[in-house]
């Protein structure tokens, strides 16, 4: 079974996707982390974030590997765990430019489809339901106000010990800018799939969002036994 969770930056996709995947024993794939890894690789090699050829070559040299970890999915670049480094403000500020490069997008989509394979998977990103897994049985489009997303991002940085050099207002402005870039890029723009269920998480708790997604999965009754057990818990 394939579950696609799409939506704008900091809407809570990764947080709820991890919980749902854990409850159902599905494989979780954070595609946003993959594009962040590409951006990290560009910075590591001293490349311009628009240097598509250079970034593609560097990705082939270093390699990107996703592994399960005790606290969630680990992202490895050249064999080193960069799960924290890819969440820094600099990477966040430039990931939209790198992820919009057609060659980078094509390479990551191919890898994402290979990772999904024939297993039960929860995959989150910007174009999962429209491009990566268009036949997914369940498609969720998770949204939230720009202000609430800015507050969540600031809190996330603080919890990870990442120094925030911006005010919440500046973060909100950056998020609005990224929304525009993601939804207007030429290749696989951010948009809601025609058959996706929209969930606004602005005034919902994490548990409420998780419950809503589990309810949508339960409607498909695949795999019914696991979904029912998770809902009871």
C-alpha atoms as a PDB file:
ATOM      1  CA  UNK A   1       0.000   0.000   0.000  1.00  0.00           C
ATOM      2  CA  UNK A   2       1.202   3.500  -0.825  1.00  0.00           C
ATOM      3  CA  UNK A   3       0.276   6.575   1.227  1.00  0.00           C
ATOM      4  CA  UNK A   4       1.309   9.995  -0.129  1.00  0.00           C
ATOM      5  CA  UNK A   5       1.436  13.030   2.159  1.00  0.00           C
ATOM      6  CA  UNK A   6       2.056  16.331   0.395  1.00  0.00           C
ATOM      7  CA  UNK A   7       1.945  19.939   1.479  1.00  0.00           C
ATOM      8  CA  UNK A   8       3.956  23.137   1.952  1.00  0.00           C
ATOM      9  CA  UNK A   9       7.045  23.580   4.141  1.00  0.00           C
ATOM     10  CA  UNK A  10       6.650  23.015   7.897  1.00  0.00           C
ATOM     11  CA  UNK A  11       3.029  21.862   7.663  1.00  0.00           C
ATOM     12  CA  UNK A  12       3.947  18.875   9.843  1.00  0.00           C
ATOM     13  CA  UNK A  13       4.209  16.254   7.094  1.00  0.00           C
ATOM     14  CA  UNK A  14       7.324  14.493   8.356  1.00  0.00           C
ATOM     15  CA  UNK A  15       6.184  14.467  11.975  1.00  0.00           C
ATOM     16  CA  UNK A  16       2.839  12.826  11.308  1.00  0.00           C
ATOM     17  CA  UNK A  17       4.187  10.573   8.531  1.00  0.00           C
ATOM     18  CA  UNK A  18       6.731   9.054  10.940  1.00  0.00           C
ATOM     19  CA  UNK A  19       4.038   8.369  13.533  1.00  0.00           C
ATOM     20  CA  UNK A  20       1.610   6.845  11.032  1.00  0.00           C
ATOM     21  CA  UNK A  21       4.360   4.684   9.500  1.00  0.00           C
ATOM     22  CA  UNK A  22       5.376   3.459  12.950  1.00  0.00           C
ATOM     23  CA  UNK A  23       1.795   2.617  13.933  1.00  0.00           C
ATOM     24  CA  UNK A  24       1.254   0.618  10.748  1.00  0.00           C
ATOM     25  CA  UNK A  25       4.788  -0.825  10.450  1.00  0.00           C
ATOM     26  CA  UNK A  26       5.100   0.840   7.038  1.00  0.00           C
ATOM     27  CA  UNK A  27       8.366   2.085   5.552  1.00  0.00           C
ATOM     28  CA  UNK A  28       8.722   5.856   5.911  1.00  0.00           C
ATOM     29  CA  UNK A  29      10.471   7.934   3.239  1.00  0.00           C
ATOM     30  CA  UNK A  30      11.138  11.642   3.788  1.00  0.00           C
ATOM     31  CA  UNK A  31      11.674  12.999   0.269  1.00  0.00           C
ATOM     32  CA  UNK A  32      12.244  16.517   1.569  1.00  0.00           C
ATOM     33  CA  UNK A  33      15.319  15.224   3.394  1.00  0.00           C
ATOM     34  CA  UNK A  34      16.629  13.896   0.078  1.00  0.00           C
ATOM     35  CA  UNK A  35      16.456  17.347  -1.545  1.00  0.00           C
ATOM     36  CA  UNK A  36      18.027  18.845   1.558  1.00  0.00           C
ATOM     37  CA  UNK A  37      20.840  16.310   1.177  1.00  0.00           C
ATOM     38  CA  UNK A  38      21.333  17.455  -2.424  1.00  0.00           C
ATOM     39  CA  UNK A  39      21.565  21.046  -1.173  1.00  0.00           C
ATOM     40  CA  UNK A  40      24.019  19.999   1.536  1.00  0.00           C
ATOM     41  CA  UNK A  41      26.160  18.286  -1.106  1.00  0.00           C
ATOM     42  CA  UNK A  42      26.209  21.460  -3.200  1.00  0.00           C
ATOM     43  CA  UNK A  43      27.398  23.473  -0.198  1.00  0.00           C
ATOM     44  CA  UNK A  44      29.932  20.825   0.785  1.00  0.00           C
ATOM     45  CA  UNK A  45      31.509  20.969  -2.675  1.00  0.00           C
ATOM     46  CA  UNK A  46      31.402  24.760  -2.824  1.00  0.00           C
ATOM     47  CA  UNK A  47      28.985  24.730  -5.759  1.00  0.00           C
ATOM     48  CA  UNK A  48      26.525  27.396  -6.782  1.00  0.00           C
ATOM     49  CA  UNK A  49      23.013  26.240  -5.899  1.00  0.00           C
ATOM     50  CA  UNK A  50      22.027  26.647  -9.548  1.00  0.00           C
ATOM     51  CA  UNK A  51      24.919  24.546 -10.921  1.00  0.00           C
ATOM     52  CA  UNK A  52      22.846  21.557 -12.022  1.00  0.00           C
ATOM     53  CA  UNK A  53      25.663  19.652 -13.770  1.00  0.00           C
ATOM     54  CA  UNK A  54      28.044  20.151 -10.862  1.00  0.00           C
ATOM     55  CA  UNK A  55      25.471  19.131  -8.254  1.00  0.00           C
ATOM     56  CA  UNK A  56      24.471  15.995 -10.180  1.00  0.00           C
ATOM     57  CA  UNK A  57      28.118  14.968 -10.451  1.00  0.00           C
ATOM     58  CA  UNK A  58      28.666  15.600  -6.739  1.00  0.00           C
ATOM     59  CA  UNK A  59      25.561  13.558  -5.842  1.00  0.00           C
ATOM     60  CA  UNK A  60      26.928  10.626  -7.854  1.00  0.00           C
ATOM     61  CA  UNK A  61      30.282  10.966  -6.095  1.00  0.00           C
ATOM     62  CA  UNK A  62      28.922  11.192  -2.545  1.00  0.00           C
ATOM     63  CA  UNK A  63      25.711   9.209  -2.735  1.00  0.00           C
ATOM     64  CA  UNK A  64      22.592   9.670  -0.610  1.00  0.00           C
ATOM     65  CA  UNK A  65      21.400   6.849   1.641  1.00  0.00           C
ATOM     66  CA  UNK A  66      18.347   6.721   3.912  1.00  0.00           C
ATOM     67  CA  UNK A  67      18.511   4.461   6.948  1.00  0.00           C
ATOM     68  CA  UNK A  68      16.143   3.841   9.860  1.00  0.00           C
ATOM     69  CA  UNK A  69      17.436   5.208  13.160  1.00  0.00           C
ATOM     70  CA  UNK A  70      16.362   5.139  16.801  1.00  0.00           C
ATOM     71  CA  UNK A  71      14.897   8.639  16.584  1.00  0.00           C
ATOM     72  CA  UNK A  72      13.707   8.415  12.987  1.00  0.00           C
ATOM     73  CA  UNK A  73      15.124   8.287   9.489  1.00  0.00           C
ATOM     74  CA  UNK A  74      18.851   8.958   9.141  1.00  0.00           C
ATOM     75  CA  UNK A  75      20.299  10.647   6.070  1.00  0.00           C
ATOM     76  CA  UNK A  76      23.803   9.682   5.035  1.00  0.00           C
ATOM     77  CA  UNK A  77      25.987  11.566   2.549  1.00  0.00           C
ATOM     78  CA  UNK A  78      29.297   9.979   1.608  1.00  0.00           C
ATOM     79  CA  UNK A  79      28.695   7.537   4.451  1.00  0.00           C
ATOM     80  CA  UNK A  80      28.330  10.247   7.113  1.00  0.00           C
ATOM     81  CA  UNK A  81      25.165  11.023   9.078  1.00  0.00           C
ATOM     82  CA  UNK A  82      24.070  14.547   8.084  1.00  0.00           C
ATOM     83  CA  UNK A  83      20.529  14.341   9.488  1.00  0.00           C
ATOM     84  CA  UNK A  84      21.070  17.432  11.637  1.00  0.00           C
ATOM     85  CA  UNK A  85      23.198  19.419   9.165  1.00  0.00           C
ATOM     86  CA  UNK A  86      20.512  19.311   6.468  1.00  0.00           C
ATOM     87  CA  UNK A  87      18.075  21.111   8.820  1.00  0.00           C
ATOM     88  CA  UNK A  88      20.182  24.256   9.276  1.00  0.00           C
ATOM     89  CA  UNK A  89      18.823  27.665   8.159  1.00  0.00           C
ATOM     90  CA  UNK A  90      21.248  27.893   5.212  1.00  0.00           C
ATOM     91  CA  UNK A  91      20.081  24.597   3.747  1.00  0.00           C
ATOM     92  CA  UNK A  92      16.455  25.525   4.407  1.00  0.00           C
ATOM     93  CA  UNK A  93      16.915  28.839   2.596  1.00  0.00           C
ATOM     94  CA  UNK A  94      18.365  27.235  -0.550  1.00  0.00           C
ATOM     95  CA  UNK A  95      16.643  23.865  -0.898  1.00  0.00           C
ATOM     96  CA  UNK A  96      13.869  25.267  -3.114  1.00  0.00           C
ATOM     97  CA  UNK A  97      16.408  26.378  -5.724  1.00  0.00           C
ATOM     98  CA  UNK A  98      18.198  23.037  -5.771  1.00  0.00           C
ATOM     99  CA  UNK A  99      14.997  20.978  -5.758  1.00  0.00           C
ATOM    100  CA  UNK A 100      13.696  22.955  -8.750  1.00  0.00           C
ATOM    101  CA  UNK A 101      16.603  21.819 -10.966  1.00  0.00           C
ATOM    102  CA  UNK A 102      15.082  19.348 -13.486  1.00  0.00           C
ATOM    103  CA  UNK A 103      18.045  16.956 -13.406  1.00  0.00           C
ATOM    104  CA  UNK A 104      18.115  16.821  -9.629  1.00  0.00           C
ATOM    105  CA  UNK A 105      14.356  16.327  -9.469  1.00  0.00           C
ATOM    106  CA  UNK A 106      14.475  13.511 -12.044  1.00  0.00           C
ATOM    107  CA  UNK A 107      17.272  11.726 -10.183  1.00  0.00           C
ATOM    108  CA  UNK A 108      15.492  11.950  -6.836  1.00  0.00           C
ATOM    109  CA  UNK A 109      12.111  10.850  -8.221  1.00  0.00           C
ATOM    110  CA  UNK A 110      13.736   7.743  -9.729  1.00  0.00           C
ATOM    111  CA  UNK A 111      15.357   6.972  -6.378  1.00  0.00           C
ATOM    112  CA  UNK A 112      12.108   7.574  -4.487  1.00  0.00           C
ATOM    113  CA  UNK A 113      10.198   5.156  -6.708  1.00  0.00           C
ATOM    114  CA  UNK A 114      12.908   2.519  -6.263  1.00  0.00           C
ATOM    115  CA  UNK A 115      12.779   2.974  -2.489  1.00  0.00           C
ATOM    116  CA  UNK A 116       8.988   2.578  -2.528  1.00  0.00           C
ATOM    117  CA  UNK A 117       9.286  -0.642  -4.506  1.00  0.00           C
ATOM    118  CA  UNK A 118       6.496  -3.076  -3.685  1.00  0.00           C
ATOM    119  CA  UNK A 119       6.456  -2.465   0.073  1.00  0.00           C
ATOM    120  CA  UNK A 120       3.909  -0.687   2.255  1.00  0.00           C
ATOM    121  CA  UNK A 121       5.154   2.885   2.302  1.00  0.00           C
ATOM    122  CA  UNK A 122       4.370   6.338   3.732  1.00  0.00           C
ATOM    123  CA  UNK A 123       6.086   8.992   1.622  1.00  0.00           C
ATOM    124  CA  UNK A 124       5.908  12.724   2.199  1.00  0.00           C
ATOM    125  CA  UNK A 125       6.990  15.661   0.083  1.00  0.00           C
ATOM    126  CA  UNK A 126       5.638  18.191  -2.406  1.00  0.00           C
ATOM    127  CA  UNK A 127       4.759  16.081  -5.466  1.00  0.00           C
ATOM    128  CA  UNK A 128       4.256  12.549  -4.150  1.00  0.00           C
ATOM    129  CA  UNK A 129       0.573  12.222  -4.997  1.00  0.00           C
ATOM    130  CA  UNK A 130       0.895  14.020  -8.338  1.00  0.00           C
ATOM    131  CA  UNK A 131       4.236  12.785  -9.707  1.00  0.00           C
ATOM    132  CA  UNK A 132       6.168  10.251  -7.624  1.00  0.00           C
ATOM    133  CA  UNK A 133       3.342   7.898  -6.601  1.00  0.00           C
ATOM    134  CA  UNK A 134       0.327   8.983  -8.667  1.00  0.00           C
ATOM    135  CA  UNK A 135      -1.402   5.641  -8.029  1.00  0.00           C
ATOM    136  CA  UNK A 136      -1.131   5.862  -4.231  1.00  0.00           C
ATOM    137  CA  UNK A 137      -4.234   4.448  -2.512  1.00  0.00           C
ATOM    138  CA  UNK A 138      -4.338   7.296   0.011  1.00  0.00           C
ATOM    139  CA  UNK A 139      -3.323  10.889  -0.746  1.00  0.00           C
ATOM    140  CA  UNK A 140      -3.220  13.571   1.926  1.00  0.00           C
ATOM    141  CA  UNK A 141      -2.588  17.280   1.330  1.00  0.00           C
ATOM    142  CA  UNK A 142      -1.543  18.788   4.653  1.00  0.00           C
ATOM    143  CA  UNK A 143      -1.716  22.569   5.025  1.00  0.00           C
ATOM    144  CA  UNK A 144      -1.410  25.164   7.808  1.00  0.00           C
ATOM    145  CA  UNK A 145      -1.187  28.934   8.077  1.00  0.00           C
ATOM    146  CA  UNK A 146       2.198  30.499   7.323  1.00  0.00           C
ATOM    147  CA  UNK A 147       2.356  31.949  10.837  1.00  0.00           C
ATOM    148  CA  UNK A 148       1.790  28.628  12.568  1.00  0.00           C
ATOM    149  CA  UNK A 149       4.378  26.986  10.334  1.00  0.00           C
ATOM    150  CA  UNK A 150       6.904  29.697  11.179  1.00  0.00           C
ATOM    151  CA  UNK A 151       6.335  29.136  14.888  1.00  0.00           C
ATOM    152  CA  UNK A 152       6.752  25.387  14.446  1.00  0.00           C
ATOM    153  CA  UNK A 153       9.997  25.830  12.511  1.00  0.00           C
ATOM    154  CA  UNK A 154      11.432  28.119  15.177  1.00  0.00           C
ATOM    155  CA  UNK A 155      10.478  25.623  17.894  1.00  0.00           C
ATOM    156  CA  UNK A 156      11.998  22.772  15.872  1.00  0.00           C
ATOM    157  CA  UNK A 157      15.309  24.645  15.564  1.00  0.00           C
ATOM    158  CA  UNK A 158      15.325  25.348  19.289  1.00  0.00           C
ATOM    159  CA  UNK A 159      14.660  21.696  20.132  1.00  0.00           C
ATOM    160  CA  UNK A 160      17.498  20.608  17.846  1.00  0.00           C
ATOM    161  CA  UNK A 161      19.882  23.178  19.287  1.00  0.00           C
ATOM    162  CA  UNK A 162      20.133  25.046  15.973  1.00  0.00           C
ATOM    163  CA  UNK A 163      20.746  28.766  16.388  1.00  0.00           C
ATOM    164  CA  UNK A 164      17.899  30.803  14.921  1.00  0.00           C
ATOM    165  CA  UNK A 165      19.172  34.039  13.392  1.00  0.00           C
ATOM    166  CA  UNK A 166      15.697  35.162  12.328  1.00  0.00           C
ATOM    167  CA  UNK A 167      12.588  36.403  14.089  1.00  0.00           C
ATOM    168  CA  UNK A 168       9.354  34.481  13.666  1.00  0.00           C
ATOM    169  CA  UNK A 169       8.170  37.253  11.296  1.00  0.00           C
ATOM    170  CA  UNK A 170      11.245  36.776   9.102  1.00  0.00           C
ATOM    171  CA  UNK A 171      10.764  33.013   9.111  1.00  0.00           C
ATOM    172  CA  UNK A 172       7.115  33.510   8.115  1.00  0.00           C
ATOM    173  CA  UNK A 173       8.206  35.696   5.188  1.00  0.00           C
ATOM    174  CA  UNK A 174      10.710  33.043   4.085  1.00  0.00           C
ATOM    175  CA  UNK A 175       8.034  30.350   4.284  1.00  0.00           C
ATOM    176  CA  UNK A 176       5.654  32.427   2.151  1.00  0.00           C
ATOM    177  CA  UNK A 177       8.450  32.917  -0.392  1.00  0.00           C
ATOM    178  CA  UNK A 178       9.187  29.195  -0.453  1.00  0.00           C
ATOM    179  CA  UNK A 179       5.486  28.417  -0.913  1.00  0.00           C
ATOM    180  CA  UNK A 180       5.513  30.614  -3.997  1.00  0.00           C
ATOM    181  CA  UNK A 181       8.693  29.073  -5.400  1.00  0.00           C
ATOM    182  CA  UNK A 182       7.528  25.496  -4.738  1.00  0.00           C
ATOM    183  CA  UNK A 183       4.107  26.051  -6.294  1.00  0.00           C
ATOM    184  CA  UNK A 184       5.444  27.929  -9.353  1.00  0.00           C
ATOM    185  CA  UNK A 185       8.466  25.827 -10.301  1.00  0.00           C
ATOM    186  CA  UNK A 186       8.421  24.395 -13.809  1.00  0.00           C
ATOM    187  CA  UNK A 187       8.991  20.746 -12.863  1.00  0.00           C
ATOM    188  CA  UNK A 188       6.547  18.976 -10.512  1.00  0.00           C
ATOM    189  CA  UNK A 189       5.207  22.045  -8.687  1.00  0.00           C
ATOM    190  CA  UNK A 190       3.574  21.798  -5.284  1.00  0.00           C
ATOM    191  CA  UNK A 191      -0.144  21.271  -5.803  1.00  0.00           C
ATOM    192  CA  UNK A 192      -2.963  19.228  -4.391  1.00  0.00           C
ATOM    193  CA  UNK A 193      -3.749  16.040  -6.308  1.00  0.00           C
ATOM    194  CA  UNK A 194      -7.323  15.906  -7.588  1.00  0.00           C
ATOM    195  CA  UNK A 195      -8.069  12.872  -5.384  1.00  0.00           C
ATOM    196  CA  UNK A 196      -6.203  14.063  -2.272  1.00  0.00           C
ATOM    197  CA  UNK A 197      -7.871  14.718   1.086  1.00  0.00           C
ATOM    198  CA  UNK A 198      -6.942  18.150   2.458  1.00  0.00           C
ATOM    199  CA  UNK A 199      -6.257  18.480   6.187  1.00  0.00           C
ATOM    200  CA  UNK A 200      -5.619  21.884   7.759  1.00  0.00           C
ATOM    201  CA  UNK A 201      -3.357  21.363  10.774  1.00  0.00           C
ATOM    202  CA  UNK A 202      -3.304  25.006  11.912  1.00  0.00           C
ATOM    203  CA  UNK A 203      -5.522  24.374  14.935  1.00  0.00           C
ATOM    204  CA  UNK A 204      -5.042  20.625  15.276  1.00  0.00           C
ATOM    205  CA  UNK A 205      -2.729  18.673  17.556  1.00  0.00           C
ATOM    206  CA  UNK A 206      -0.329  16.110  16.118  1.00  0.00           C
ATOM    207  CA  UNK A 207      -2.496  13.310  17.508  1.00  0.00           C
ATOM    208  CA  UNK A 208      -5.572  14.743  15.787  1.00  0.00           C
ATOM    209  CA  UNK A 209      -3.810  14.919  12.421  1.00  0.00           C
ATOM    210  CA  UNK A 210      -2.509  11.372  12.842  1.00  0.00           C
ATOM    211  CA  UNK A 211      -6.005  10.143  13.705  1.00  0.00           C
ATOM    212  CA  UNK A 212      -7.446  11.835  10.610  1.00  0.00           C
ATOM    213  CA  UNK A 213      -4.869  10.195   8.351  1.00  0.00           C
ATOM    214  CA  UNK A 214      -5.350   6.787   9.957  1.00  0.00           C
ATOM    215  CA  UNK A 215      -9.086   7.166   9.404  1.00  0.00           C
ATOM    216  CA  UNK A 216      -8.526   7.746   5.687  1.00  0.00           C
ATOM    217  CA  UNK A 217      -6.277   4.679   5.505  1.00  0.00           C
ATOM    218  CA  UNK A 218      -8.848   2.627   7.400  1.00  0.00           C
ATOM    219  CA  UNK A 219     -11.426   3.430   4.709  1.00  0.00           C
ATOM    220  CA  UNK A 220      -9.288   1.512   2.233  1.00  0.00           C
ATOM    221  CA  UNK A 221      -9.054  -1.425   4.640  1.00  0.00           C
ATOM    222  CA  UNK A 222      -5.512  -2.224   3.478  1.00  0.00           C
ATOM    223  CA  UNK A 223      -4.161  -3.817   5.599  1.00  0.00           C
ATOM    224  CA  UNK A 224      -7.378  -3.818   7.643  1.00  0.00           C
ATOM    225  CA  UNK A 225      -6.026  -5.683  10.690  1.00  0.00           C
ATOM    226  CA  UNK A 226      -3.104  -3.290  11.229  1.00  0.00           C
ATOM    227  CA  UNK A 227      -5.166  -0.177  10.716  1.00  0.00           C
ATOM    228  CA  UNK A 228      -7.873  -1.292  13.118  1.00  0.00           C
ATOM    229  CA  UNK A 229      -5.323  -2.159  15.786  1.00  0.00           C
ATOM    230  CA  UNK A 230      -3.667   1.239  15.399  1.00  0.00           C
ATOM    231  CA  UNK A 231      -6.977   3.062  15.682  1.00  0.00           C
ATOM    232  CA  UNK A 232      -7.809   1.171  18.857  1.00  0.00           C
ATOM    233  CA  UNK A 233      -4.458   2.157  20.381  1.00  0.00           C
END
